[in-house]
PDB file of all heavy atoms in Angstrom:
ATOM      1  N   ARG A   1       5.958  -3.714 -10.655  1.00  0.00           N
ATOM      2  CA  ARG A   1       7.113  -2.908 -10.834  1.00  0.00           C
ATOM      3  C   ARG A   1       6.936  -2.092 -12.139  1.00  0.00           C
ATOM      4  O   ARG A   1       7.042  -0.878 -12.129  1.00  0.00           O
ATOM      5  CB  ARG A   1       8.384  -3.745 -10.882  1.00  0.00           C
ATOM      6  CG  ARG A   1       9.667  -2.890 -11.056  1.00  0.00           C
ATOM      7  CD  ARG A   1      10.920  -3.742 -11.089  1.00  0.00           C
ATOM      8  NE  ARG A   1      10.981  -4.573 -12.263  1.00  0.00           N
ATOM      9  CZ  ARG A   1      11.987  -5.389 -12.562  1.00  0.00           C
ATOM     10  NH1 ARG A   1      13.037  -5.442 -11.757  1.00  0.00           N
ATOM     11  NH2 ARG A   1      11.940  -6.132 -13.622  1.00  0.00           N
ATOM     12  N   ASP A   2       6.696  -2.758 -13.218  1.00  0.00           N
ATOM     13  CA  ASP A   2       6.431  -2.086 -14.483  1.00  0.00           C
ATOM     14  C   ASP A   2       5.046  -1.406 -14.498  1.00  0.00           C
ATOM     15  O   ASP A   2       4.812  -0.411 -15.146  1.00  0.00           O
ATOM     16  CB  ASP A   2       6.514  -3.079 -15.677  1.00  0.00           C
ATOM     17  CG  ASP A   2       7.916  -3.644 -15.812  1.00  0.00           C
ATOM     18  OD1 ASP A   2       8.885  -2.904 -15.425  1.00  0.00           O
ATOM     19  OD2 ASP A   2       8.047  -4.804 -16.236  1.00  0.00           O
ATOM     20  N   PHE A   3       4.056  -2.082 -13.778  1.00  0.00           N
ATOM     21  CA  PHE A   3       2.733  -1.517 -13.609  1.00  0.00           C
ATOM     22  C   PHE A   3       2.417  -1.411 -12.115  1.00  0.00           C
ATOM     23  O   PHE A   3       1.547  -2.097 -11.624  1.00  0.00           O
ATOM     24  CB  PHE A   3       1.736  -2.403 -14.340  1.00  0.00           C
ATOM     25  CG  PHE A   3       1.988  -2.584 -15.786  1.00  0.00           C
ATOM     26  CD1 PHE A   3       2.764  -3.595 -16.292  1.00  0.00           C
ATOM     27  CD2 PHE A   3       1.407  -1.693 -16.673  1.00  0.00           C
ATOM     28  CE1 PHE A   3       2.982  -3.804 -17.631  1.00  0.00           C
ATOM     29  CE2 PHE A   3       1.547  -1.825 -18.053  1.00  0.00           C
ATOM     30  CZ  PHE A   3       2.379  -2.861 -18.543  1.00  0.00           C
ATOM     31  N   PRO A   4       3.068  -0.565 -11.408  1.00  0.00           N
ATOM     32  CA  PRO A   4       2.919  -0.526  -9.913  1.00  0.00           C
ATOM     33  C   PRO A   4       1.581   0.049  -9.549  1.00  0.00           C
ATOM     34  O   PRO A   4       1.117   0.990 -10.168  1.00  0.00           O
ATOM     35  CB  PRO A   4       4.080   0.358  -9.485  1.00  0.00           C
ATOM     36  CG  PRO A   4       4.394   1.226 -10.616  1.00  0.00           C
ATOM     37  CD  PRO A   4       4.130   0.369 -11.838  1.00  0.00           C
ATOM     38  N   PHE A   5       0.977  -0.531  -8.508  1.00  0.00           N
ATOM     39  CA  PHE A   5      -0.303  -0.021  -8.041  1.00  0.00           C
ATOM     40  C   PHE A   5      -0.511  -0.338  -6.577  1.00  0.00           C
ATOM     41  O   PHE A   5       0.113  -1.267  -6.008  1.00  0.00           O
ATOM     42  CB  PHE A   5      -1.473  -0.561  -8.880  1.00  0.00           C
ATOM     43  CG  PHE A   5      -1.642  -2.021  -8.841  1.00  0.00           C
ATOM     44  CD1 PHE A   5      -2.412  -2.630  -7.855  1.00  0.00           C
ATOM     45  CD2 PHE A   5      -1.014  -2.840  -9.750  1.00  0.00           C
ATOM     46  CE1 PHE A   5      -2.547  -4.035  -7.796  1.00  0.00           C
ATOM     47  CE2 PHE A   5      -1.205  -4.213  -9.754  1.00  0.00           C
ATOM     48  CZ  PHE A   5      -1.928  -4.816  -8.748  1.00  0.00           C
ATOM     49  N   ILE A   6      -1.362   0.403  -5.955  1.00  0.00           N
ATOM     50  CA  ILE A   6      -1.768   0.213  -4.562  1.00  0.00           C
ATOM     51  C   ILE A   6      -3.259   0.030  -4.528  1.00  0.00           C
ATOM     52  O   ILE A   6      -3.999   0.707  -5.258  1.00  0.00           O
ATOM     53  CB  ILE A   6      -1.333   1.376  -3.665  1.00  0.00           C
ATOM     54  CG1 ILE A   6       0.183   1.479  -3.551  1.00  0.00           C
ATOM     55  CG2 ILE A   6      -2.008   1.294  -2.262  1.00  0.00           C
ATOM     56  CD1 ILE A   6       0.693   2.709  -2.849  1.00  0.00           C
ATOM     57  N   VAL A   7      -3.720  -0.912  -3.680  1.00  0.00           N
ATOM     58  CA  VAL A   7      -5.179  -1.173  -3.554  1.00  0.00           C
ATOM     59  C   VAL A   7      -5.546  -0.920  -2.117  1.00  0.00           C
ATOM     60  O   VAL A   7      -4.906  -1.431  -1.194  1.00  0.00           O
ATOM     61  CB  VAL A   7      -5.543  -2.600  -3.973  1.00  0.00           C
ATOM     62  CG1 VAL A   7      -7.031  -2.855  -3.698  1.00  0.00           C
ATOM     63  CG2 VAL A   7      -5.238  -2.861  -5.425  1.00  0.00           C
ATOM     64  N   LEU A   8      -6.568  -0.115  -1.876  1.00  0.00           N
ATOM     65  CA  LEU A   8      -7.114   0.108  -0.575  1.00  0.00           C
ATOM     66  C   LEU A   8      -8.541  -0.514  -0.548  1.00  0.00           C
ATOM     67  O   LEU A   8      -9.344  -0.264  -1.416  1.00  0.00           O
ATOM     68  CB  LEU A   8      -7.309   1.591  -0.296  1.00  0.00           C
ATOM     69  CG  LEU A   8      -6.080   2.533  -0.465  1.00  0.00           C
ATOM     70  CD1 LEU A   8      -6.479   3.943  -0.295  1.00  0.00           C
ATOM     71  CD2 LEU A   8      -5.023   2.114   0.550  1.00  0.00           C
ATOM     72  N   ASN A   9      -8.778  -1.389   0.403  1.00  0.00           N
ATOM     73  CA  ASN A   9     -10.149  -1.961   0.531  1.00  0.00           C
ATOM     74  C   ASN A   9     -11.087  -1.008   1.143  1.00  0.00           C
ATOM     75  O   ASN A   9     -10.738  -0.209   2.035  1.00  0.00           O
ATOM     76  CB  ASN A   9     -10.064  -3.245   1.381  1.00  0.00           C
ATOM     77  CG  ASN A   9      -9.467  -4.398   0.650  1.00  0.00           C
ATOM     78  OD1 ASN A   9      -9.147  -4.305  -0.527  1.00  0.00           O
ATOM     79  ND2 ASN A   9      -9.322  -5.562   1.339  1.00  0.00           N
ATOM     80  N   SER A  10     -12.365  -1.029   0.720  1.00  0.00           N
ATOM     81  CA  SER A  10     -13.370  -0.132   1.217  1.00  0.00           C
ATOM     82  C   SER A  10     -13.559  -0.324   2.731  1.00  0.00           C
ATOM     83  O   SER A  10     -13.869   0.669   3.429  1.00  0.00           O
ATOM     84  CB  SER A  10     -14.683  -0.351   0.493  1.00  0.00           C
ATOM     85  OG  SER A  10     -15.122  -1.677   0.607  1.00  0.00           O
ATOM     86  N   GLY A  11     -13.361  -1.514   3.216  1.00  0.00           N
ATOM     87  CA  GLY A  11     -13.524  -1.767   4.675  1.00  0.00           C
ATOM     88  C   GLY A  11     -12.493  -0.984   5.430  1.00  0.00           C
ATOM     89  O   GLY A  11     -12.783  -0.597   6.617  1.00  0.00           O
ATOM     90  N   LEU A  12     -11.327  -0.758   4.899  1.00  0.00           N
ATOM     91  CA  LEU A  12     -10.335   0.031   5.545  1.00  0.00           C
ATOM     92  C   LEU A  12     -10.759   1.514   5.667  1.00  0.00           C
ATOM     93  O   LEU A  12     -10.628   2.173   6.651  1.00  0.00           O
ATOM     94  CB  LEU A  12      -8.973  -0.077   4.803  1.00  0.00           C
ATOM     95  CG  LEU A  12      -7.852   0.837   5.229  1.00  0.00           C
ATOM     96  CD1 LEU A  12      -7.240   0.372   6.533  1.00  0.00           C
ATOM     97  CD2 LEU A  12      -6.752   0.934   4.140  1.00  0.00           C
ATOM     98  N   LEU A  13     -11.261   2.019   4.515  1.00  0.00           N
ATOM     99  CA  LEU A  13     -11.657   3.405   4.464  1.00  0.00           C
ATOM    100  C   LEU A  13     -12.805   3.707   5.485  1.00  0.00           C
ATOM    101  O   LEU A  13     -12.870   4.833   6.026  1.00  0.00           O
ATOM    102  CB  LEU A  13     -12.193   3.735   3.067  1.00  0.00           C
ATOM    103  CG  LEU A  13     -11.167   3.584   1.900  1.00  0.00           C
ATOM    104  CD1 LEU A  13     -11.795   3.989   0.611  1.00  0.00           C
ATOM    105  CD2 LEU A  13      -9.876   4.274   2.180  1.00  0.00           C
ATOM    106  N   ASP A  14     -13.662   2.711   5.762  1.00  0.00           N
ATOM    107  CA  ASP A  14     -14.719   2.926   6.704  1.00  0.00           C
ATOM    108  C   ASP A  14     -14.293   2.882   8.129  1.00  0.00           C
ATOM    109  O   ASP A  14     -15.098   3.247   9.032  1.00  0.00           O
ATOM    110  CB  ASP A  14     -15.800   1.827   6.465  1.00  0.00           C
ATOM    111  CG  ASP A  14     -16.504   1.970   5.110  1.00  0.00           C
ATOM    112  OD1 ASP A  14     -16.471   3.111   4.596  1.00  0.00           O
ATOM    113  OD2 ASP A  14     -17.023   1.003   4.632  1.00  0.00           O
ATOM    114  N   LEU A  15     -13.104   2.461   8.444  1.00  0.00           N
ATOM    115  CA  LEU A  15     -12.670   2.254   9.817  1.00  0.00           C
ATOM    116  C   LEU A  15     -11.647   3.307  10.286  1.00  0.00           C
ATOM    117  O   LEU A  15     -11.698   3.690  11.483  1.00  0.00           O
ATOM    118  CB  LEU A  15     -12.035   0.848   9.983  1.00  0.00           C
ATOM    119  CG  LEU A  15     -11.647   0.471  11.414  1.00  0.00           C
ATOM    120  CD1 LEU A  15     -12.865   0.314  12.267  1.00  0.00           C
ATOM    121  CD2 LEU A  15     -10.894  -0.859  11.353  1.00  0.00           C
ATOM    122  N   VAL A  16     -10.838   3.826   9.442  1.00  0.00           N
ATOM    123  CA  VAL A  16      -9.731   4.665   9.780  1.00  0.00           C
ATOM    124  C   VAL A  16     -10.024   6.140   9.577  1.00  0.00           C
ATOM    125  O   VAL A  16     -10.844   6.519   8.781  1.00  0.00           O
ATOM    126  CB  VAL A  16      -8.405   4.323   9.082  1.00  0.00           C
ATOM    127  CG1 VAL A  16      -8.051   2.830   9.331  1.00  0.00           C
ATOM    128  CG2 VAL A  16      -8.519   4.547   7.578  1.00  0.00           C
ATOM    129  N   SER A  17      -9.301   6.989  10.333  1.00  0.00           N
ATOM    130  CA  SER A  17      -9.352   8.427  10.089  1.00  0.00           C
ATOM    131  C   SER A  17      -8.515   8.849   8.951  1.00  0.00           C
ATOM    132  O   SER A  17      -7.772   8.046   8.399  1.00  0.00           O
ATOM    133  CB  SER A  17      -8.931   9.175  11.406  1.00  0.00           C
ATOM    134  OG  SER A  17      -7.545   8.986  11.613  1.00  0.00           O
ATOM    135  N   GLU A  18      -8.596  10.114   8.545  1.00  0.00           N
ATOM    136  CA  GLU A  18      -7.774  10.622   7.475  1.00  0.00           C
ATOM    137  C   GLU A  18      -6.278  10.513   7.834  1.00  0.00           C
ATOM    138  O   GLU A  18      -5.469  10.151   6.960  1.00  0.00           O
ATOM    139  CB  GLU A  18      -8.141  12.077   7.182  1.00  0.00           C
ATOM    140  CG  GLU A  18      -7.371  12.656   5.982  1.00  0.00           C
ATOM    141  CD  GLU A  18      -7.868  14.027   5.579  1.00  0.00           C
ATOM    142  OE1 GLU A  18      -9.029  14.163   5.166  1.00  0.00           O
ATOM    143  OE2 GLU A  18      -7.072  14.950   5.728  1.00  0.00           O
ATOM    144  N   ALA A  19      -5.928  10.878   9.073  1.00  0.00           N
ATOM    145  CA  ALA A  19      -4.534  10.761   9.507  1.00  0.00           C
ATOM    146  C   ALA A  19      -4.043   9.350   9.461  1.00  0.00           C
ATOM    147  O   ALA A  19      -2.898   9.026   9.027  1.00  0.00           O
ATOM    148  CB  ALA A  19      -4.358  11.337  10.862  1.00  0.00           C
ATOM    149  N   GLU A  20      -4.863   8.414   9.874  1.00  0.00           N
ATOM    150  CA  GLU A  20      -4.515   6.977   9.797  1.00  0.00           C
ATOM    151  C   GLU A  20      -4.438   6.471   8.394  1.00  0.00           C
ATOM    152  O   GLU A  20      -3.549   5.616   8.109  1.00  0.00           O
ATOM    153  CB  GLU A  20      -5.530   6.156  10.623  1.00  0.00           C
ATOM    154  CG  GLU A  20      -5.481   6.465  12.110  1.00  0.00           C
ATOM    155  CD  GLU A  20      -6.773   6.223  12.850  1.00  0.00           C
ATOM    156  OE1 GLU A  20      -7.627   5.486  12.289  1.00  0.00           O
ATOM    157  OE2 GLU A  20      -6.959   6.720  13.953  1.00  0.00           O
ATOM    158  N   LEU A  21      -5.306   6.971   7.534  1.00  0.00           N
ATOM    159  CA  LEU A  21      -5.250   6.563   6.144  1.00  0.00           C
ATOM    160  C   LEU A  21      -3.932   7.004   5.511  1.00  0.00           C
ATOM    161  O   LEU A  21      -3.322   6.280   4.712  1.00  0.00           O
ATOM    162  CB  LEU A  21      -6.437   7.152   5.376  1.00  0.00           C
ATOM    163  CG  LEU A  21      -6.456   6.827   3.828  1.00  0.00           C
ATOM    164  CD1 LEU A  21      -6.556   5.347   3.585  1.00  0.00           C
ATOM    165  CD2 LEU A  21      -7.631   7.574   3.209  1.00  0.00           C
ATOM    166  N   ARG A  22      -3.478   8.172   5.893  1.00  0.00           N
ATOM    167  CA  ARG A  22      -2.162   8.649   5.390  1.00  0.00           C
ATOM    168  C   ARG A  22      -1.019   7.648   5.723  1.00  0.00           C
ATOM    169  O   ARG A  22      -0.162   7.397   4.959  1.00  0.00           O
ATOM    170  CB  ARG A  22      -1.856  10.017   5.943  1.00  0.00           C
ATOM    171  CG  ARG A  22      -0.593  10.679   5.382  1.00  0.00           C
ATOM    172  CD  ARG A  22      -0.315  12.024   5.996  1.00  0.00           C
ATOM    173  NE  ARG A  22      -1.378  12.934   5.761  1.00  0.00           N
ATOM    174  CZ  ARG A  22      -1.490  13.737   4.684  1.00  0.00           C
ATOM    175  NH1 ARG A  22      -0.535  13.691   3.771  1.00  0.00           N
ATOM    176  NH2 ARG A  22      -2.509  14.542   4.504  1.00  0.00           N
ATOM    177  N   THR A  23      -1.111   7.117   6.962  1.00  0.00           N
ATOM    178  CA  THR A  23      -0.074   6.172   7.333  1.00  0.00           C
ATOM    179  C   THR A  23      -0.144   4.857   6.510  1.00  0.00           C
ATOM    180  O   THR A  23       0.873   4.273   6.194  1.00  0.00           O
ATOM    181  CB  THR A  23      -0.173   5.795   8.851  1.00  0.00           C
ATOM    182  OG1 THR A  23      -1.306   4.943   9.061  1.00  0.00           O
ATOM    183  CG2 THR A  23      -0.298   7.030   9.710  1.00  0.00           C
ATOM    184  N   VAL A  24      -1.349   4.460   6.150  1.00  0.00           N
ATOM    185  CA  VAL A  24      -1.542   3.242   5.367  1.00  0.00           C
ATOM    186  C   VAL A  24      -0.926   3.473   3.972  1.00  0.00           C
ATOM    187  O   VAL A  24      -0.223   2.640   3.422  1.00  0.00           O
ATOM    188  CB  VAL A  24      -2.999   2.840   5.260  1.00  0.00           C
ATOM    189  CG1 VAL A  24      -3.162   1.701   4.275  1.00  0.00           C
ATOM    190  CG2 VAL A  24      -3.528   2.463   6.601  1.00  0.00           C
ATOM    191  N   ILE A  25      -1.295   4.594   3.353  1.00  0.00           N
ATOM    192  CA  ILE A  25      -0.802   4.907   2.016  1.00  0.00           C
ATOM    193  C   ILE A  25       0.752   4.991   2.035  1.00  0.00           C
ATOM    194  O   ILE A  25       1.421   4.493   1.090  1.00  0.00           O
ATOM    195  CB  ILE A  25      -1.453   6.175   1.474  1.00  0.00           C
ATOM    196  CG1 ILE A  25      -2.948   5.927   1.216  1.00  0.00           C
ATOM    197  CG2 ILE A  25      -0.785   6.645   0.221  1.00  0.00           C
ATOM    198  CD1 ILE A  25      -3.734   7.164   0.898  1.00  0.00           C
ATOM    199  N   ALA A  26       1.235   5.720   3.040  1.00  0.00           N
ATOM    200  CA  ALA A  26       2.724   5.850   3.131  1.00  0.00           C
ATOM    201  C   ALA A  26       3.402   4.489   3.303  1.00  0.00           C
ATOM    202  O   ALA A  26       4.470   4.230   2.747  1.00  0.00           O
ATOM    203  CB  ALA A  26       3.078   6.806   4.259  1.00  0.00           C
ATOM    204  N   HIS A  27       2.789   3.630   4.134  1.00  0.00           N
ATOM    205  CA  HIS A  27       3.260   2.287   4.309  1.00  0.00           C
ATOM    206  C   HIS A  27       3.331   1.515   3.002  1.00  0.00           C
ATOM    207  O   HIS A  27       4.411   0.920   2.662  1.00  0.00           O
ATOM    208  CB  HIS A  27       2.396   1.503   5.282  1.00  0.00           C
ATOM    209  CG  HIS A  27       2.785   0.072   5.489  1.00  0.00           C
ATOM    210  ND1 HIS A  27       3.525  -0.384   6.484  1.00  0.00           N
ATOM    211  CD2 HIS A  27       2.459  -1.040   4.718  1.00  0.00           C
ATOM    212  CE1 HIS A  27       3.690  -1.699   6.412  1.00  0.00           C
ATOM    213  NE2 HIS A  27       3.006  -2.148   5.364  1.00  0.00           N
ATOM    214  N   GLU A  28       2.250   1.550   2.188  1.00  0.00           N
ATOM    215  CA  GLU A  28       2.254   0.819   0.962  1.00  0.00           C
ATOM    216  C   GLU A  28       3.250   1.456  -0.044  1.00  0.00           C
ATOM    217  O   GLU A  28       3.920   0.714  -0.838  1.00  0.00           O
ATOM    218  CB  GLU A  28       0.867   0.790   0.364  1.00  0.00           C
ATOM    219  CG  GLU A  28      -0.152   0.066   1.224  1.00  0.00           C
ATOM    220  CD  GLU A  28       0.240  -1.348   1.595  1.00  0.00           C
ATOM    221  OE1 GLU A  28       1.041  -2.012   0.819  1.00  0.00           O
ATOM    222  OE2 GLU A  28      -0.137  -1.862   2.645  1.00  0.00           O
ATOM    223  N   LEU A  29       3.374   2.700  -0.062  1.00  0.00           N
ATOM    224  CA  LEU A  29       4.427   3.397  -0.905  1.00  0.00           C
ATOM    225  C   LEU A  29       5.813   2.999  -0.420  1.00  0.00           C
ATOM    226  O   LEU A  29       6.744   2.974  -1.288  1.00  0.00           O
ATOM    227  CB  LEU A  29       4.243   4.922  -0.853  1.00  0.00           C
ATOM    228  CG  LEU A  29       3.027   5.455  -1.640  1.00  0.00           C
ATOM    229  CD1 LEU A  29       2.871   6.920  -1.405  1.00  0.00           C
ATOM    230  CD2 LEU A  29       3.136   5.200  -3.091  1.00  0.00           C
ATOM    231  N   GLY A  30       5.976   2.732   0.820  1.00  0.00           N
ATOM    232  CA  GLY A  30       7.254   2.307   1.326  1.00  0.00           C
ATOM    233  C   GLY A  30       7.665   0.993   0.676  1.00  0.00           C
ATOM    234  O   GLY A  30       8.850   0.756   0.349  1.00  0.00           O
ATOM    235  N   HIS A  31       6.703   0.077   0.487  1.00  0.00           N
ATOM    236  CA  HIS A  31       6.948  -1.177  -0.209  1.00  0.00           C
ATOM    237  C   HIS A  31       7.437  -0.902  -1.671  1.00  0.00           C
ATOM    238  O   HIS A  31       8.381  -1.532  -2.133  1.00  0.00           O
ATOM    239  CB  HIS A  31       5.719  -2.088  -0.255  1.00  0.00           C
ATOM    240  CG  HIS A  31       5.421  -2.755   1.015  1.00  0.00           C
ATOM    241  ND1 HIS A  31       6.366  -3.562   1.645  1.00  0.00           N
ATOM    242  CD2 HIS A  31       4.297  -2.881   1.755  1.00  0.00           C
ATOM    243  CE1 HIS A  31       5.807  -4.046   2.742  1.00  0.00           C
ATOM    244  NE2 HIS A  31       4.591  -3.677   2.861  1.00  0.00           N
ATOM    245  N   LEU A  32       6.765   0.038  -2.343  1.00  0.00           N
ATOM    246  CA  LEU A  32       7.185   0.326  -3.694  1.00  0.00           C
ATOM    247  C   LEU A  32       8.520   1.009  -3.703  1.00  0.00           C
ATOM    248  O   LEU A  32       9.334   0.704  -4.615  1.00  0.00           O
ATOM    249  CB  LEU A  32       6.121   1.233  -4.329  1.00  0.00           C
ATOM    250  CG  LEU A  32       4.749   0.634  -4.626  1.00  0.00           C
ATOM    251  CD1 LEU A  32       3.806   1.716  -5.222  1.00  0.00           C
ATOM    252  CD2 LEU A  32       4.846  -0.562  -5.597  1.00  0.00           C
ATOM    253  N   LYS A  33       8.712   1.915  -2.785  1.00  0.00           N
ATOM    254  CA  LYS A  33      10.093   2.619  -2.689  1.00  0.00           C
ATOM    255  C   LYS A  33      11.167   1.616  -2.489  1.00  0.00           C
ATOM    256  O   LYS A  33      12.286   1.734  -3.089  1.00  0.00           O
ATOM    257  CB  LYS A  33      10.000   3.650  -1.565  1.00  0.00           C
ATOM    258  CG  LYS A  33      11.288   4.448  -1.416  1.00  0.00           C
ATOM    259  CD  LYS A  33      11.405   5.526  -2.470  1.00  0.00           C
ATOM    260  CE  LYS A  33      12.592   6.442  -2.212  1.00  0.00           C
ATOM    261  NZ  LYS A  33      12.681   7.523  -3.203  1.00  0.00           N
ATOM    262  N   CYS A  34      10.962   0.602  -1.658  1.00  0.00           N
ATOM    263  CA  CYS A  34      11.976  -0.376  -1.346  1.00  0.00           C
ATOM    264  C   CYS A  34      12.062  -1.464  -2.427  1.00  0.00           C
ATOM    265  O   CYS A  34      12.878  -2.389  -2.327  1.00  0.00           O
ATOM    266  CB  CYS A  34      11.721  -1.092   0.002  1.00  0.00           C
ATOM    267  SG  CYS A  34      11.935   0.011   1.427  1.00  0.00           S
ATOM    268  N   GLU A  35      11.193  -1.389  -3.435  1.00  0.00           N
ATOM    269  CA  GLU A  35      11.131  -2.391  -4.496  1.00  0.00           C
ATOM    270  C   GLU A  35      10.876  -3.810  -4.004  1.00  0.00           C
ATOM    271  O   GLU A  35      11.450  -4.809  -4.431  1.00  0.00           O
ATOM    272  CB  GLU A  35      12.412  -2.369  -5.384  1.00  0.00           C
ATOM    273  CG  GLU A  35      12.666  -1.033  -6.077  1.00  0.00           C
ATOM    274  CD  GLU A  35      13.917  -0.995  -6.926  1.00  0.00           C
ATOM    275  OE1 GLU A  35      14.330  -2.093  -7.328  1.00  0.00           O
ATOM    276  OE2 GLU A  35      14.372   0.096  -7.165  1.00  0.00           O
ATOM    277  N   HIS A  36       9.994  -3.832  -2.973  1.00  0.00           N
ATOM    278  CA  HIS A  36       9.653  -5.160  -2.350  1.00  0.00           C
ATOM    279  C   HIS A  36       8.730  -5.948  -3.272  1.00  0.00           C
ATOM    280  O   HIS A  36       8.672  -7.169  -3.110  1.00  0.00           O
ATOM    281  CB  HIS A  36       8.868  -4.932  -1.053  1.00  0.00           C
ATOM    282  CG  HIS A  36       9.760  -4.474   0.069  1.00  0.00           C
ATOM    283  ND1 HIS A  36       9.220  -3.751   1.163  1.00  0.00           N
ATOM    284  CD2 HIS A  36      11.064  -4.676   0.389  1.00  0.00           C
ATOM    285  CE1 HIS A  36      10.192  -3.494   2.022  1.00  0.00           C
ATOM    286  NE2 HIS A  36      11.293  -4.090   1.564  1.00  0.00           N
ATOM    287  N   THR A  37       8.033  -5.288  -4.204  1.00  0.00           N
ATOM    288  CA  THR A  37       6.877  -5.931  -4.793  1.00  0.00           C
ATOM    289  C   THR A  37       7.224  -7.108  -5.711  1.00  0.00           C
ATOM    290  O   THR A  37       6.436  -8.040  -5.831  1.00  0.00           O
ATOM    291  CB  THR A  37       6.084  -4.870  -5.653  1.00  0.00           C
ATOM    292  OG1 THR A  37       6.989  -4.211  -6.564  1.00  0.00           O
ATOM    293  CG2 THR A  37       5.470  -3.867  -4.731  1.00  0.00           C
ATOM    294  N   ILE A  38       8.379  -7.121  -6.259  1.00  0.00           N
ATOM    295  CA  ILE A  38       8.810  -8.254  -7.137  1.00  0.00           C
ATOM    296  C   ILE A  38       8.928  -9.532  -6.287  1.00  0.00           C
ATOM    297  O   ILE A  38       8.382 -10.591  -6.557  1.00  0.00           O
ATOM    298  CB  ILE A  38      10.051  -8.038  -7.924  1.00  0.00           C
ATOM    299  CG1 ILE A  38       9.838  -6.922  -8.938  1.00  0.00           C
ATOM    300  CG2 ILE A  38      10.550  -9.309  -8.572  1.00  0.00           C
ATOM    301  CD1 ILE A  38       8.817  -7.251 -10.008  1.00  0.00           C
ATOM    302  N   LEU A  39       9.660  -9.427  -5.132  1.00  0.00           N
ATOM    303  CA  LEU A  39       9.808 -10.594  -4.297  1.00  0.00           C
ATOM    304  C   LEU A  39       8.441 -10.947  -3.601  1.00  0.00           C
ATOM    305  O   LEU A  39       8.194 -12.132  -3.363  1.00  0.00           O
ATOM    306  CB  LEU A  39      10.799 -10.320  -3.188  1.00  0.00           C
ATOM    307  CG  LEU A  39      12.262 -10.393  -3.593  1.00  0.00           C
ATOM    308  CD1 LEU A  39      13.175 -10.202  -2.385  1.00  0.00           C
ATOM    309  CD2 LEU A  39      12.562 -11.776  -4.222  1.00  0.00           C
ATOM    310  N   ILE A  40       7.560  -9.989  -3.396  1.00  0.00           N
ATOM    311  CA  ILE A  40       6.228 -10.279  -2.862  1.00  0.00           C
ATOM    312  C   ILE A  40       5.457 -11.136  -3.879  1.00  0.00           C
ATOM    313  O   ILE A  40       4.847 -12.130  -3.484  1.00  0.00           O
ATOM    314  CB  ILE A  40       5.442  -9.025  -2.539  1.00  0.00           C
ATOM    315  CG1 ILE A  40       6.019  -8.292  -1.351  1.00  0.00           C
ATOM    316  CG2 ILE A  40       3.984  -9.320  -2.315  1.00  0.00           C
ATOM    317  CD1 ILE A  40       5.425  -6.905  -1.037  1.00  0.00           C
ATOM    318  N   GLN A  41       5.535 -10.777  -5.129  1.00  0.00           N
ATOM    319  CA  GLN A  41       4.828 -11.580  -6.189  1.00  0.00           C
ATOM    320  C   GLN A  41       5.487 -12.923  -6.347  1.00  0.00           C
ATOM    321  O   GLN A  41       4.796 -13.914  -6.566  1.00  0.00           O
ATOM    322  CB  GLN A  41       4.825 -10.779  -7.497  1.00  0.00           C
ATOM    323  CG  GLN A  41       3.925  -9.568  -7.467  1.00  0.00           C
ATOM    324  CD  GLN A  41       4.178  -8.682  -8.657  1.00  0.00           C
ATOM    325  OE1 GLN A  41       4.559  -7.522  -8.589  1.00  0.00           O
ATOM    326  NE2 GLN A  41       3.884  -9.215  -9.838  1.00  0.00           N
ATOM    327  N   MET A  42       6.766 -12.988  -6.228  1.00  0.00           N
ATOM    328  CA  MET A  42       7.436 -14.282  -6.294  1.00  0.00           C
ATOM    329  C   MET A  42       7.043 -15.188  -5.163  1.00  0.00           C
ATOM    330  O   MET A  42       6.817 -16.401  -5.279  1.00  0.00           O
ATOM    331  CB  MET A  42       8.960 -14.120  -6.265  1.00  0.00           C
ATOM    332  CG  MET A  42       9.550 -13.627  -7.578  1.00  0.00           C
ATOM    333  SD  MET A  42      11.335 -13.360  -7.452  1.00  0.00           S
ATOM    334  CE  MET A  42      11.931 -14.979  -7.039  1.00  0.00           C
ATOM    335  N   ALA A  43       6.910 -14.593  -3.929  1.00  0.00           N
ATOM    336  CA  ALA A  43       6.438 -15.414  -2.750  1.00  0.00           C
ATOM    337  C   ALA A  43       5.082 -15.942  -2.961  1.00  0.00           C
ATOM    338  O   ALA A  43       4.811 -17.129  -2.645  1.00  0.00           O
ATOM    339  CB  ALA A  43       6.524 -14.479  -1.492  1.00  0.00           C
TER     340      ALA A  43
END
């Protein structure tokens, strides 16, 4: 939250297309937008 970041594994980049990669990045940004990350870390 104070130091938010997203990590993409290289194995993902080797499998998906550019359009599919956009969906992955948007999905992870959705977690940040919803402020899910604090509860994720607590879990």
